[in-house]
Each structure stands twice: as C-alpha cells, then as structure tokens.
C-alpha cells in the first residue's frame, strides 16, 4: 500500500472519529440541558399541556393525547419509571 493511500485512510478515520466525538458531546449536552428544569424536560418530552405541577412531579399531555408523569430526583427531571440507577452516589 502506498504512502499516500495510508495517509488518506488515516485522515478519513480521524474525520469519522472526530465527527462521532462531536455528536456524542452534543447529545450529552442536550440531555443534560433537558434534565435541568421542568420547562426544558417538558419541551424535550413534547408536552403540549401541563396538567398538574408540584415541586417534585408534574403531569402533562402529549400531542398524541398520552398523559405522562415526570418526577424530580436529585435535582433533575425524569420520566416516571425511567429513573437513573445509582450506586455509591454514581448515577447513570
């Protein structure tokens, strides 16, 4: 294999890895922003009407008519039933 071909392959691999990294960071920031407040999480989930709200939970209606419940855990908002798994103060 020629030197030029090796450089081209490594350049393409580098570009693909860089693009994957940018997408991963972007997705991580988007999800972090969504969980940060009830307003952001409601928009992230597609709520068209909030039905009930307290300090720790809220229910809202989606465009499809489905009603979902969102809960606040460790200062972040989640879909009820889709809570993070935590061990020794580490959650994912």
Protein backbone atom coordinates (compact mmCIF):
# COMPACT_ATOMS: atom_id res chain seq x y z
CA UNK A 1 0.00 0.00 0.00
CA UNK A 2 1.35 3.40 -0.94
CA UNK A 3 2.18 6.17 1.49
CA UNK A 4 -0.46 8.46 0.01
CA UNK A 5 -3.17 5.81 0.43
CA UNK A 6 -2.21 5.26 4.11
CA UNK A 7 -2.41 8.99 4.80
CA UNK A 8 -5.82 9.17 3.13
CA UNK A 9 -7.15 6.24 5.17
CA UNK A 10 -5.87 7.75 8.43
CA UNK A 11 -7.34 11.13 7.51
CA UNK A 12 -10.75 9.56 6.87
CA UNK A 13 -10.57 7.58 10.13
CA UNK A 14 -9.63 10.76 12.01
CA UNK A 15 -12.52 12.69 10.49
CA UNK A 16 -15.01 9.93 11.34
CA UNK A 17 -13.74 9.71 14.93
CA UNK A 18 -13.90 13.50 15.32
CA UNK A 19 -17.46 13.58 13.97
CA UNK A 20 -18.52 10.78 16.34
CA UNK A 21 -16.96 12.65 19.26
CA UNK A 22 -18.75 15.90 18.35
CA UNK A 23 -22.09 14.06 18.09
CA UNK A 24 -21.56 12.32 21.43
CA UNK A 25 -20.71 15.57 23.22
CA UNK A 26 -23.68 17.33 21.59
CA UNK A 27 -26.07 14.57 22.67
CA UNK A 28 -24.69 14.61 26.22
CA UNK A 29 -25.16 18.38 26.49
CA UNK A 30 -28.68 18.18 25.04
CA UNK A 31 -29.76 15.54 27.56
CA UNK A 32 -28.11 17.40 30.45
CA UNK A 33 -29.98 20.58 29.50
CA UNK A 34 -33.26 18.68 29.21
CA UNK A 35 -32.96 17.23 32.72
CA UNK A 36 -32.02 20.60 34.26
CA UNK A 37 -35.50 22.12 34.59
CA UNK A 38 -39.16 21.16 34.31
CA UNK A 39 -39.66 23.57 31.41
CA UNK A 40 -36.77 22.06 29.46
CA UNK A 41 -37.81 18.49 30.24
CA UNK A 42 -41.44 19.17 29.29
CA UNK A 43 -40.29 20.52 25.92
CA UNK A 44 -37.85 17.62 25.49
CA UNK A 45 -40.68 15.12 26.03
CA UNK A 46 -43.06 17.02 23.73
CA UNK A 47 -45.64 18.21 26.25
CA UNK A 48 -48.36 20.39 24.77
CA UNK A 49 -50.25 20.99 28.02
CA UNK A 50 -49.12 20.69 31.62
CA UNK A 51 -51.95 19.31 33.74
CA UNK A 52 -50.57 19.28 37.28
CA UNK A 53 -47.32 20.56 38.78
CA UNK A 54 -45.70 20.37 42.22
CA UNK A 55 -42.10 20.85 43.33
CA UNK A 56 -41.27 17.19 42.73
CA UNK A 57 -43.57 15.94 39.97
CA UNK A 58 -45.67 17.07 37.04
CA UNK A 59 -48.11 15.54 34.59
CA UNK A 60 -48.56 16.68 31.04
CA UNK A 61 -50.39 15.77 27.87
CA UNK A 62 -48.51 14.94 24.67
CA UNK A 63 -49.77 15.80 21.19
CA UNK A 64 -50.92 12.18 20.84
CA UNK A 65 -53.16 12.58 23.90
CA UNK A 66 -50.96 10.41 26.10
CA UNK A 67 -50.52 11.68 29.64
CA UNK A 68 -47.07 11.28 31.17
CA UNK A 69 -45.73 11.87 34.67
CA UNK A 70 -42.34 13.48 35.24
CA UNK A 71 -40.54 13.35 38.57
CA UNK A 72 -37.65 15.26 40.10
CA UNK A 73 -34.84 13.13 41.54
CA UNK A 74 -31.51 14.57 42.75
CA UNK A 75 -32.43 17.98 41.26
CA UNK A 76 -33.00 16.52 37.77
CA UNK A 77 -36.24 15.76 35.94
CA UNK A 78 -37.04 12.28 34.60
CA UNK A 79 -39.93 10.38 33.11
CA UNK A 80 -41.58 8.38 35.90
CA UNK A 81 -40.41 4.80 35.55
CA UNK A 82 -37.26 5.83 33.67
CA UNK A 83 -35.20 6.90 36.66
CA UNK A 84 -31.41 6.63 36.83
CA UNK A 85 -29.69 3.71 38.52
CA UNK A 86 -27.46 4.91 41.37
CA UNK A 87 -24.77 3.07 43.29
CA UNK A 88 -22.44 4.79 45.75
CA UNK A 89 -23.53 8.28 44.58
CA UNK A 90 -22.79 7.47 40.92
CA UNK A 91 -25.84 7.51 38.64
CA UNK A 92 -26.37 6.51 35.02
